[in-house]
Amino acid sequence: MTVEMVAPAWMHQQVTAEQYAAWTEEQCAGIEIVDGMVLVCPSPFKRHSRLARLLANALDAAAGPDWNAETDFDVRLQDVPLNNRRPDVTVYRAETIDVAPTRPEHVLLVVEVVSPGSETTDRIVKADQYARAGIQFYWRVEQAATGAPLVYTYVLDPATGRYRDSDVFAGVVKLTVPFAIEIDLSQI
């Protein structure tokens, strides 16, 4: 016996920022909006979720009182057409904790943890979107089946509006920008 999956009608129509604002938290969970269209995101594996949470905790501790680091919430990159992404980790201005939606000017750093099926999106598409939105720092984390993950760091080049490669870390991430941080990846 086969079951045909039929996507609901709302998945075939562009969503506006006003429509999205009226949706419940449950309706917004597990999706991103790209060029106004709903993109369903598969549930991450436990390793992915743990890595994102541990990175968020380390970034939050290192960021000081002016910045917060959280996992899994919308960042509104653009209103028309609507573009909402849900980075695995977002470092944002602490003073904007109650401001919704979170906008690029509130965000210092986004982190994407690459999983099977998200390679092209995390390596190319999201990096381009975050750079065009003006988010200053982008980290991409590649998961190894065994061993510590690799962390690729990027810094926005204001002249080109694109990210330029910075450092790649295996073992320990040790940086002074955007703030002093040291993360032992072998503990993750």
N, C-alpha and C. Protein backbone atom coordinates (compact mmCIF):
# COMPACT_ATOMS: atom_id res chain seq x y z
N MET A 1 0.84 -1.17 0.00
CA MET A 1 0.00 0.00 0.00
C MET A 1 0.89 1.24 0.00
N THR A 2 0.57 2.19 -0.83
CA THR A 2 1.34 3.43 -0.88
C THR A 2 0.47 4.58 -0.39
N VAL A 3 1.13 5.53 0.19
CA VAL A 3 0.44 6.71 0.69
C VAL A 3 0.95 7.90 -0.12
N GLU A 4 0.02 8.60 -0.73
CA GLU A 4 0.41 9.79 -1.47
C GLU A 4 0.45 10.97 -0.52
N MET A 5 1.53 11.72 -0.61
CA MET A 5 1.63 12.91 0.22
C MET A 5 1.22 14.10 -0.61
N VAL A 6 0.29 14.83 -0.11
CA VAL A 6 -0.17 16.02 -0.79
C VAL A 6 0.14 17.21 0.10
N ALA A 7 0.91 18.13 -0.43
CA ALA A 7 1.26 19.32 0.34
C ALA A 7 0.03 20.21 0.46
N PRO A 8 -0.14 20.84 1.62
CA PRO A 8 -1.27 21.74 1.79
C PRO A 8 -1.18 22.92 0.82
N ALA A 9 -2.31 23.50 0.49
CA ALA A 9 -2.38 24.58 -0.49
C ALA A 9 -1.48 25.75 -0.11
N TRP A 10 -1.38 26.07 1.19
CA TRP A 10 -0.57 27.22 1.60
C TRP A 10 0.89 27.05 1.28
N MET A 11 1.33 25.82 1.01
CA MET A 11 2.73 25.60 0.65
C MET A 11 3.01 25.91 -0.81
N HIS A 12 1.97 26.20 -1.57
CA HIS A 12 2.12 26.49 -3.00
C HIS A 12 1.92 27.96 -3.31
N GLN A 13 1.82 28.78 -2.28
CA GLN A 13 1.58 30.21 -2.47
C GLN A 13 2.63 31.00 -1.71
N GLN A 14 2.99 32.15 -2.26
CA GLN A 14 3.94 32.99 -1.55
C GLN A 14 3.31 33.52 -0.27
N VAL A 15 4.13 33.55 0.78
CA VAL A 15 3.71 34.04 2.08
C VAL A 15 4.28 35.44 2.26
N THR A 16 3.44 36.35 2.72
CA THR A 16 3.92 37.70 3.00
C THR A 16 4.35 37.80 4.45
N ALA A 17 5.08 38.86 4.76
CA ALA A 17 5.50 39.09 6.14
C ALA A 17 4.29 39.25 7.06
N GLU A 18 3.24 39.90 6.56
CA GLU A 18 2.03 40.10 7.36
C GLU A 18 1.34 38.76 7.64
N GLN A 19 1.26 37.90 6.64
CA GLN A 19 0.65 36.58 6.84
C GLN A 19 1.47 35.76 7.84
N TYR A 20 2.77 35.78 7.67
CA TYR A 20 3.64 34.99 8.53
C TYR A 20 3.53 35.45 9.98
N ALA A 21 3.40 36.75 10.19
CA ALA A 21 3.28 37.30 11.55
C ALA A 21 2.03 36.78 12.25
N ALA A 22 1.02 36.39 11.49
CA ALA A 22 -0.23 35.89 12.09
C ALA A 22 -0.17 34.40 12.39
N TRP A 23 0.85 33.70 11.93
CA TRP A 23 0.95 32.26 12.17
C TRP A 23 1.36 32.00 13.62
N THR A 24 0.97 30.85 14.11
CA THR A 24 1.35 30.44 15.46
C THR A 24 2.80 29.96 15.48
N GLU A 25 3.35 29.87 16.67
CA GLU A 25 4.71 29.36 16.83
C GLU A 25 4.82 27.94 16.28
N GLU A 26 3.78 27.15 16.47
CA GLU A 26 3.77 25.77 15.97
C GLU A 26 3.80 25.74 14.44
N GLN A 27 3.10 26.68 13.79
CA GLN A 27 3.11 26.73 12.33
C GLN A 27 4.48 27.14 11.78
N CYS A 28 5.20 27.94 12.55
CA CYS A 28 6.50 28.44 12.11
C CYS A 28 7.65 27.49 12.42
N ALA A 29 7.43 26.54 13.31
CA ALA A 29 8.49 25.61 13.70
C ALA A 29 8.84 24.69 12.54
N GLY A 30 10.12 24.47 12.35
CA GLY A 30 10.58 23.51 11.35
C GLY A 30 10.49 23.98 9.91
N ILE A 31 10.32 25.30 9.72
CA ILE A 31 10.26 25.82 8.36
C ILE A 31 11.15 27.05 8.24
N GLU A 32 11.50 27.36 7.03
CA GLU A 32 12.11 28.63 6.68
C GLU A 32 11.30 29.17 5.51
N ILE A 33 11.38 30.47 5.29
CA ILE A 33 10.69 31.09 4.16
C ILE A 33 11.77 31.65 3.24
N VAL A 34 11.77 31.19 2.00
CA VAL A 34 12.76 31.64 1.02
C VAL A 34 12.01 32.18 -0.19
N ASP A 35 12.24 33.45 -0.47
CA ASP A 35 11.54 34.15 -1.56
C ASP A 35 10.03 33.99 -1.44
N GLY A 36 9.55 34.01 -0.19
CA GLY A 36 8.11 33.93 0.06
C GLY A 36 7.55 32.52 0.09
N MET A 37 8.34 31.54 -0.22
CA MET A 37 7.85 30.16 -0.27
C MET A 37 8.31 29.39 0.97
N VAL A 38 7.41 28.54 1.46
CA VAL A 38 7.71 27.73 2.64
C VAL A 38 8.68 26.62 2.26
N LEU A 39 9.73 26.51 3.05
CA LEU A 39 10.71 25.45 2.89
C LEU A 39 10.71 24.64 4.18
N VAL A 40 10.29 23.39 4.10
CA VAL A 40 10.23 22.54 5.28
C VAL A 40 11.64 22.03 5.57
N CYS A 41 12.06 22.19 6.82
CA CYS A 41 13.39 21.75 7.24
C CYS A 41 13.25 20.45 8.02
N PRO A 42 13.98 19.43 7.64
CA PRO A 42 13.87 18.17 8.38
C PRO A 42 14.39 18.34 9.80
N SER A 43 13.88 17.54 10.70
CA SER A 43 14.36 17.56 12.09
C SER A 43 15.83 17.16 12.10
N PRO A 44 16.65 17.89 12.84
CA PRO A 44 18.07 17.56 12.87
C PRO A 44 18.33 16.29 13.67
N PHE A 45 19.45 15.65 13.37
CA PHE A 45 19.90 14.50 14.14
C PHE A 45 20.35 15.00 15.52
N LYS A 46 20.41 14.08 16.47
CA LYS A 46 20.80 14.45 17.84
C LYS A 46 22.20 15.07 17.87
N ARG A 47 23.14 14.52 17.09
CA ARG A 47 24.51 15.06 17.07
C ARG A 47 24.49 16.52 16.62
N HIS A 48 23.70 16.82 15.61
CA HIS A 48 23.56 18.19 15.08
C HIS A 48 23.01 19.11 16.16
N SER A 49 21.93 18.71 16.81
CA SER A 49 21.30 19.54 17.84
C SER A 49 22.24 19.77 19.02
N ARG A 50 22.93 18.72 19.43
CA ARG A 50 23.86 18.84 20.57
C ARG A 50 25.00 19.79 20.22
N LEU A 51 25.56 19.64 19.04
CA LEU A 51 26.65 20.51 18.62
C LEU A 51 26.19 21.97 18.59
N ALA A 52 25.03 22.24 18.03
CA ALA A 52 24.50 23.61 17.97
C ALA A 52 24.29 24.15 19.38
N ARG A 53 23.72 23.36 20.26
CA ARG A 53 23.46 23.82 21.64
C ARG A 53 24.75 24.11 22.38
N LEU A 54 25.73 23.22 22.27
CA LEU A 54 27.01 23.42 22.96
C LEU A 54 27.75 24.65 22.41
N LEU A 55 27.70 24.85 21.11
CA LEU A 55 28.31 26.06 20.53
C LEU A 55 27.59 27.31 21.02
N ALA A 56 26.26 27.26 21.05
CA ALA A 56 25.49 28.41 21.54
C ALA A 56 25.85 28.71 22.99
N ASN A 57 25.95 27.68 23.81
CA ASN A 57 26.31 27.88 25.21
C ASN A 57 27.69 28.53 25.34
N ALA A 58 28.67 28.05 24.57
CA ALA A 58 30.03 28.60 24.63
C ALA A 58 30.06 30.04 24.13
N LEU A 59 29.35 30.31 23.04
CA LEU A 59 29.30 31.67 22.50
C LEU A 59 28.59 32.61 23.47
N ASP A 60 27.51 32.15 24.08
CA ASP A 60 26.76 32.96 25.03
C ASP A 60 27.64 33.33 26.23
N ALA A 61 28.40 32.37 26.73
CA ALA A 61 29.27 32.61 27.88
C ALA A 61 30.39 33.59 27.54
N ALA A 62 30.91 33.50 26.31
CA ALA A 62 32.04 34.34 25.92
C ALA A 62 31.62 35.73 25.46
N ALA A 63 30.39 35.89 25.03
CA ALA A 63 29.96 37.12 24.38
C ALA A 63 29.82 38.31 25.32
N GLY A 64 29.68 38.05 26.59
CA GLY A 64 29.51 39.15 27.53
C GLY A 64 28.07 39.64 27.58
N PRO A 65 27.82 40.68 28.34
CA PRO A 65 26.44 41.12 28.59
C PRO A 65 25.74 41.78 27.40
N ASP A 66 26.49 42.21 26.40
CA ASP A 66 25.87 42.92 25.27
C ASP A 66 25.29 42.00 24.20
N TRP A 67 25.64 40.71 24.26
CA TRP A 67 25.22 39.76 23.22
C TRP A 67 24.63 38.51 23.85
N ASN A 68 23.66 37.93 23.17
CA ASN A 68 23.08 36.63 23.54
C ASN A 68 23.32 35.66 22.40
N ALA A 69 23.44 34.38 22.72
CA ALA A 69 23.53 33.34 21.70
C ALA A 69 22.42 32.33 21.96
N GLU A 70 21.66 32.01 20.92
CA GLU A 70 20.52 31.10 21.03
C GLU A 70 20.49 30.19 19.81
N THR A 71 19.73 29.12 19.94
CA THR A 71 19.52 28.22 18.81
C THR A 71 18.08 28.34 18.31
N ASP A 72 17.91 28.07 17.03
CA ASP A 72 16.61 27.80 16.43
C ASP A 72 15.54 28.87 16.59
N PHE A 73 15.78 30.05 16.03
CA PHE A 73 14.70 31.04 15.91
C PHE A 73 14.91 31.83 14.62
N ASP A 74 13.85 32.46 14.16
CA ASP A 74 13.86 33.16 12.88
C ASP A 74 14.75 34.40 12.90
N VAL A 75 15.45 34.59 11.80
CA VAL A 75 16.12 35.85 11.50
C VAL A 75 15.50 36.33 10.19
N ARG A 76 14.87 37.49 10.23
CA ARG A 76 14.20 38.07 9.06
C ARG A 76 15.24 38.77 8.20
N LEU A 77 15.63 38.13 7.10
CA LEU A 77 16.64 38.70 6.22
C LEU A 77 16.07 39.76 5.30
N GLN A 78 14.78 39.60 4.95
CA GLN A 78 14.17 40.49 3.97
C GLN A 78 12.66 40.37 4.09
N ASP A 79 11.95 41.50 3.88
CA ASP A 79 10.49 41.49 3.97
C ASP A 79 9.80 41.14 2.65
N VAL A 80 10.34 41.64 1.53
CA VAL A 80 9.69 41.42 0.23
C VAL A 80 10.73 41.02 -0.79
N PRO A 81 10.64 39.83 -1.39
CA PRO A 81 9.82 38.74 -0.88
C PRO A 81 10.35 38.29 0.48
N LEU A 82 9.48 37.70 1.26
CA LEU A 82 9.83 37.31 2.62
C LEU A 82 10.94 36.27 2.60
N ASN A 83 11.99 36.54 3.40
CA ASN A 83 13.08 35.58 3.60
C ASN A 83 13.37 35.50 5.09
N ASN A 84 12.99 34.38 5.68
CA ASN A 84 13.27 34.06 7.09
C ASN A 84 14.16 32.84 7.09
N ARG A 85 15.27 32.95 7.75
CA ARG A 85 16.13 31.78 7.95
C ARG A 85 16.15 31.49 9.44
N ARG A 86 16.47 30.25 9.78
CA ARG A 86 16.56 29.78 11.16
C ARG A 86 17.96 29.21 11.36
N PRO A 87 18.95 30.09 11.61
CA PRO A 87 20.31 29.58 11.80
C PRO A 87 20.36 28.61 12.97
N ASP A 88 21.33 27.72 12.92
CA ASP A 88 21.49 26.77 14.02
C ASP A 88 21.88 27.51 15.30
N VAL A 89 22.69 28.56 15.18
CA VAL A 89 23.04 29.41 16.32
C VAL A 89 23.06 30.85 15.82
N THR A 90 22.49 31.74 16.62
CA THR A 90 22.50 33.17 16.30
C THR A 90 23.01 33.94 17.51
N VAL A 91 23.99 34.81 17.28
CA VAL A 91 24.47 35.72 18.31
C VAL A 91 23.89 37.09 17.96
N TYR A 92 23.08 37.63 18.88
CA TYR A 92 22.34 38.87 18.62
C TYR A 92 22.46 39.83 19.80
N ARG A 93 22.17 41.10 19.55
CA ARG A 93 22.25 42.13 20.58
C ARG A 93 21.31 41.80 21.73
N ALA A 94 21.82 41.77 22.94
CA ALA A 94 21.02 41.43 24.12
C ALA A 94 19.83 42.39 24.29
N GLU A 95 20.02 43.65 23.94
CA GLU A 95 18.95 44.63 24.10
C GLU A 95 17.75 44.37 23.18
N THR A 96 17.92 43.48 22.19
CA THR A 96 16.82 43.19 21.26
C THR A 96 16.12 41.87 21.58
N ILE A 97 16.30 41.36 22.79
CA ILE A 97 15.75 40.05 23.14
C ILE A 97 14.23 40.00 22.94
N ASP A 98 13.54 41.11 23.16
CA ASP A 98 12.08 41.12 23.02
C ASP A 98 11.61 41.73 21.70
N VAL A 99 12.54 42.03 20.81
CA VAL A 99 12.19 42.60 19.51
C VAL A 99 11.94 41.48 18.52
N ALA A 100 10.80 41.53 17.86
CA ALA A 100 10.49 40.53 16.83
C ALA A 100 9.95 41.25 15.60
N PRO A 101 10.37 40.85 14.44
CA PRO A 101 11.33 39.79 14.17
C PRO A 101 12.77 40.27 14.40
N THR A 102 13.65 39.29 14.61
CA THR A 102 15.08 39.59 14.69
C THR A 102 15.55 39.92 13.28
N ARG A 103 16.23 41.02 13.14
CA ARG A 103 16.69 41.50 11.83
C ARG A 103 18.22 41.43 11.75
N PRO A 104 18.77 41.47 10.55
CA PRO A 104 20.22 41.39 10.39
C PRO A 104 21.00 42.41 11.21
N GLU A 105 20.46 43.61 11.38
CA GLU A 105 21.17 44.62 12.15
C GLU A 105 21.24 44.29 13.64
N HIS A 106 20.46 43.32 14.09
CA HIS A 106 20.51 42.86 15.48
C HIS A 106 21.55 41.75 15.66
N VAL A 107 22.01 41.18 14.55
CA VAL A 107 22.79 39.94 14.56
C VAL A 107 24.27 40.23 14.29
N LEU A 108 25.13 39.59 15.10
CA LEU A 108 26.57 39.70 14.93
C LEU A 108 27.14 38.50 14.19
N LEU A 109 26.65 37.31 14.54
CA LEU A 109 27.21 36.06 14.04
C LEU A 109 26.12 35.03 13.87
N VAL A 110 26.17 34.28 12.78
CA VAL A 110 25.31 33.11 12.62
C VAL A 110 26.19 31.90 12.37
N VAL A 111 25.70 30.75 12.87
CA VAL A 111 26.42 29.49 12.72
C VAL A 111 25.47 28.49 12.09
N GLU A 112 25.94 27.79 11.07
CA GLU A 112 25.19 26.69 10.47
C GLU A 112 26.00 25.42 10.64
N VAL A 113 25.34 24.38 11.12
CA VAL A 113 25.94 23.06 11.27
C VAL A 113 25.48 22.24 10.06
N VAL A 114 26.43 21.83 9.24
CA VAL A 114 26.11 21.12 8.01
C VAL A 114 25.71 19.68 8.33
N SER A 115 24.61 19.27 7.74
CA SER A 115 24.10 17.90 7.88
C SER A 115 23.89 17.31 6.50
N PRO A 116 23.75 16.00 6.41
CA PRO A 116 23.42 15.42 5.11
C PRO A 116 22.12 16.05 4.58
N GLY A 117 22.20 16.54 3.38
CA GLY A 117 21.04 17.19 2.77
C GLY A 117 21.08 18.70 2.86
N SER A 118 21.97 19.27 3.70
CA SER A 118 22.05 20.73 3.80
C SER A 118 23.38 21.28 3.28
N GLU A 119 24.18 20.44 2.66
CA GLU A 119 25.53 20.83 2.25
C GLU A 119 25.53 22.08 1.37
N THR A 120 24.83 22.04 0.25
CA THR A 120 24.83 23.16 -0.69
C THR A 120 24.19 24.39 -0.07
N THR A 121 23.10 24.19 0.64
CA THR A 121 22.41 25.32 1.26
C THR A 121 23.31 26.01 2.28
N ASP A 122 23.94 25.25 3.17
CA ASP A 122 24.77 25.85 4.22
C ASP A 122 26.08 26.39 3.68
N ARG A 123 26.68 25.72 2.70
CA ARG A 123 27.99 26.14 2.18
C ARG A 123 27.89 27.32 1.22
N ILE A 124 26.79 27.41 0.47
CA ILE A 124 26.71 28.41 -0.59
C ILE A 124 25.53 29.36 -0.40
N VAL A 125 24.31 28.83 -0.37
CA VAL A 125 23.11 29.66 -0.40
C VAL A 125 22.98 30.53 0.84
N LYS A 126 23.03 29.92 2.03
CA LYS A 126 22.86 30.70 3.25
C LYS A 126 24.02 31.67 3.45
N ALA A 127 25.22 31.26 3.14
CA ALA A 127 26.36 32.17 3.27
C ALA A 127 26.14 33.41 2.42
N ASP A 128 25.65 33.24 1.21
CA ASP A 128 25.38 34.38 0.33
C ASP A 128 24.26 35.25 0.89
N GLN A 129 23.19 34.63 1.38
CA GLN A 129 22.07 35.41 1.93
C GLN A 129 22.48 36.18 3.17
N TYR A 130 23.21 35.54 4.07
CA TYR A 130 23.64 36.23 5.28
C TYR A 130 24.58 37.39 4.95
N ALA A 131 25.47 37.19 4.00
CA ALA A 131 26.39 38.27 3.60
C ALA A 131 25.62 39.43 2.99
N ARG A 132 24.69 39.14 2.08
CA ARG A 132 23.90 40.21 1.45
C ARG A 132 23.07 40.97 2.49
N ALA A 133 22.67 40.27 3.56
CA ALA A 133 21.90 40.92 4.63
C ALA A 133 22.78 41.76 5.54
N GLY A 134 24.11 41.61 5.43
CA GLY A 134 25.04 42.42 6.21
C GLY A 134 25.45 41.84 7.56
N ILE A 135 25.23 40.54 7.76
CA ILE A 135 25.64 39.91 9.01
C ILE A 135 27.16 39.75 8.98
N GLN A 136 27.81 40.29 9.98
CA GLN A 136 29.27 40.46 9.95
C GLN A 136 30.07 39.16 9.98
N PHE A 137 29.61 38.16 10.74
CA PHE A 137 30.39 36.92 10.87
C PHE A 137 29.52 35.71 10.57
N TYR A 138 30.11 34.72 9.91
CA TYR A 138 29.43 33.47 9.59
C TYR A 138 30.39 32.32 9.90
N TRP A 139 29.88 31.34 10.63
CA TRP A 139 30.64 30.12 10.88
C TRP A 139 29.89 28.96 10.27
N ARG A 140 30.63 28.08 9.61
CA ARG A 140 30.06 26.84 9.08
C ARG A 140 30.76 25.69 9.77
N VAL A 141 29.99 24.79 10.33
CA VAL A 141 30.55 23.67 11.08
C VAL A 141 30.29 22.40 10.29
N GLU A 142 31.37 21.72 9.95
CA GLU A 142 31.28 20.44 9.25
C GLU A 142 31.42 19.34 10.28
N GLN A 143 30.46 18.44 10.30
CA GLN A 143 30.48 17.35 11.27
C GLN A 143 31.27 16.17 10.73
N ALA A 144 32.13 15.64 11.55
CA ALA A 144 32.85 14.42 11.19
C ALA A 144 32.15 13.26 11.88
N ALA A 145 32.03 12.14 11.18
CA ALA A 145 31.39 10.97 11.77
C ALA A 145 32.14 10.52 13.01
N THR A 146 33.46 10.66 12.94
CA THR A 146 34.29 10.37 14.12
C THR A 146 35.22 11.55 14.30
N GLY A 147 35.50 11.89 15.53
CA GLY A 147 36.41 12.99 15.79
C GLY A 147 35.68 14.31 15.92
N ALA A 148 36.47 15.35 16.19
CA ALA A 148 35.94 16.68 16.42
C ALA A 148 35.50 17.32 15.10
N PRO A 149 34.51 18.19 15.17
CA PRO A 149 34.06 18.89 13.97
C PRO A 149 35.09 19.93 13.51
N LEU A 150 34.93 20.36 12.27
CA LEU A 150 35.74 21.45 11.71
C LEU A 150 34.88 22.70 11.71
N VAL A 151 35.45 23.83 12.11
CA VAL A 151 34.74 25.10 12.12
C VAL A 151 35.42 26.04 11.13
N TYR A 152 34.67 26.43 10.10
CA TYR A 152 35.15 27.37 9.08
C TYR A 152 34.58 28.73 9.46
N THR A 153 35.43 29.73 9.59
CA THR A 153 34.97 31.05 9.98
C THR A 153 35.12 32.02 8.80
N TYR A 154 34.16 32.93 8.71
CA TYR A 154 34.12 33.91 7.62
C TYR A 154 33.82 35.29 8.20
N VAL A 155 34.37 36.31 7.56
CA VAL A 155 34.17 37.69 7.96
C VAL A 155 33.63 38.45 6.75
N LEU A 156 32.63 39.29 6.97
CA LEU A 156 32.04 40.07 5.89
C LEU A 156 33.01 41.13 5.41
N ASP A 157 33.22 41.18 4.12
CA ASP A 157 34.03 42.22 3.49
C ASP A 157 33.06 43.33 3.08
N PRO A 158 33.08 44.47 3.75
CA PRO A 158 32.10 45.51 3.44
C PRO A 158 32.23 46.06 2.02
N ALA A 159 33.41 45.99 1.45
CA ALA A 159 33.61 46.52 0.10
C ALA A 159 32.90 45.67 -0.95
N THR A 160 32.88 44.35 -0.75
CA THR A 160 32.28 43.46 -1.75
C THR A 160 30.90 42.95 -1.33
N GLY A 161 30.59 43.06 -0.02
CA GLY A 161 29.32 42.52 0.46
C GLY A 161 29.31 41.00 0.47
N ARG A 162 30.48 40.40 0.49
CA ARG A 162 30.61 38.94 0.50
C ARG A 162 31.53 38.54 1.65
N TYR A 163 31.41 37.28 2.04
CA TYR A 163 32.30 36.79 3.09
C TYR A 163 33.65 36.45 2.50
N ARG A 164 34.69 36.73 3.29
CA ARG A 164 36.02 36.27 2.93
C ARG A 164 36.42 35.21 3.94
N ASP A 165 37.17 34.25 3.47
CA ASP A 165 37.62 33.17 4.35
C ASP A 165 38.45 33.74 5.48
N SER A 166 38.25 33.18 6.64
CA SER A 166 39.08 33.52 7.79
C SER A 166 39.79 32.25 8.20
N ASP A 167 39.65 31.82 9.43
CA ASP A 167 40.37 30.64 9.92
C ASP A 167 39.50 29.39 9.87
N VAL A 168 40.18 28.24 9.84
CA VAL A 168 39.53 26.93 9.96
C VAL A 168 40.09 26.29 11.20
N PHE A 169 39.19 25.74 12.02
CA PHE A 169 39.62 25.17 13.30
C PHE A 169 39.22 23.71 13.41
N ALA A 170 40.15 22.92 13.91
CA ALA A 170 39.91 21.54 14.31
C ALA A 170 40.61 21.42 15.66
N GLY A 171 39.93 20.90 16.63
CA GLY A 171 40.53 20.81 17.96
C GLY A 171 40.04 21.91 18.85
N VAL A 172 40.61 23.12 18.71
CA VAL A 172 40.22 24.25 19.55
C VAL A 172 39.96 25.46 18.66
N VAL A 173 38.81 26.08 18.86
CA VAL A 173 38.50 27.36 18.22
C VAL A 173 39.00 28.44 19.17
N LYS A 174 39.93 29.25 18.70
CA LYS A 174 40.46 30.33 19.53
C LYS A 174 40.51 31.60 18.68
N LEU A 175 39.64 32.55 19.06
CA LEU A 175 39.51 33.80 18.31
C LEU A 175 39.46 34.99 19.25
N THR A 176 39.80 36.15 18.71
CA THR A 176 39.65 37.39 19.47
C THR A 176 38.50 38.24 18.91
N VAL A 177 38.04 37.93 17.71
CA VAL A 177 36.89 38.63 17.12
C VAL A 177 35.84 37.61 16.68
N PRO A 178 34.58 37.86 16.84
CA PRO A 178 33.98 39.13 17.26
C PRO A 178 34.14 39.43 18.75
N PHE A 179 34.60 38.46 19.53
CA PHE A 179 34.96 38.63 20.93
C PHE A 179 35.89 37.48 21.27
N ALA A 180 36.58 37.59 22.38
CA ALA A 180 37.53 36.54 22.77
C ALA A 180 36.76 35.27 23.11
N ILE A 181 37.16 34.18 22.46
CA ILE A 181 36.49 32.91 22.71
C ILE A 181 37.47 31.76 22.51
N GLU A 182 37.31 30.74 23.30
CA GLU A 182 38.08 29.51 23.16
C GLU A 182 37.12 28.35 23.40
N ILE A 183 36.96 27.49 22.38
CA ILE A 183 36.06 26.35 22.47
C ILE A 183 36.85 25.10 22.13
N ASP A 184 36.88 24.15 23.04
CA ASP A 184 37.54 22.87 22.81
C ASP A 184 36.56 21.96 22.08
N LEU A 185 36.76 21.79 20.78
CA LEU A 185 35.85 21.00 19.96
C LEU A 185 35.87 19.53 20.32
N SER A 186 36.94 19.06 20.94
CA SER A 186 36.99 17.64 21.31
C SER A 186 36.00 17.35 22.45
N GLN A 187 35.55 18.38 23.14
CA GLN A 187 34.58 18.20 24.22
C GLN A 187 33.14 18.21 23.72
N ILE A 188 32.98 18.44 22.44
CA ILE A 188 31.62 18.51 21.87
C ILE A 188 31.24 17.18 21.27
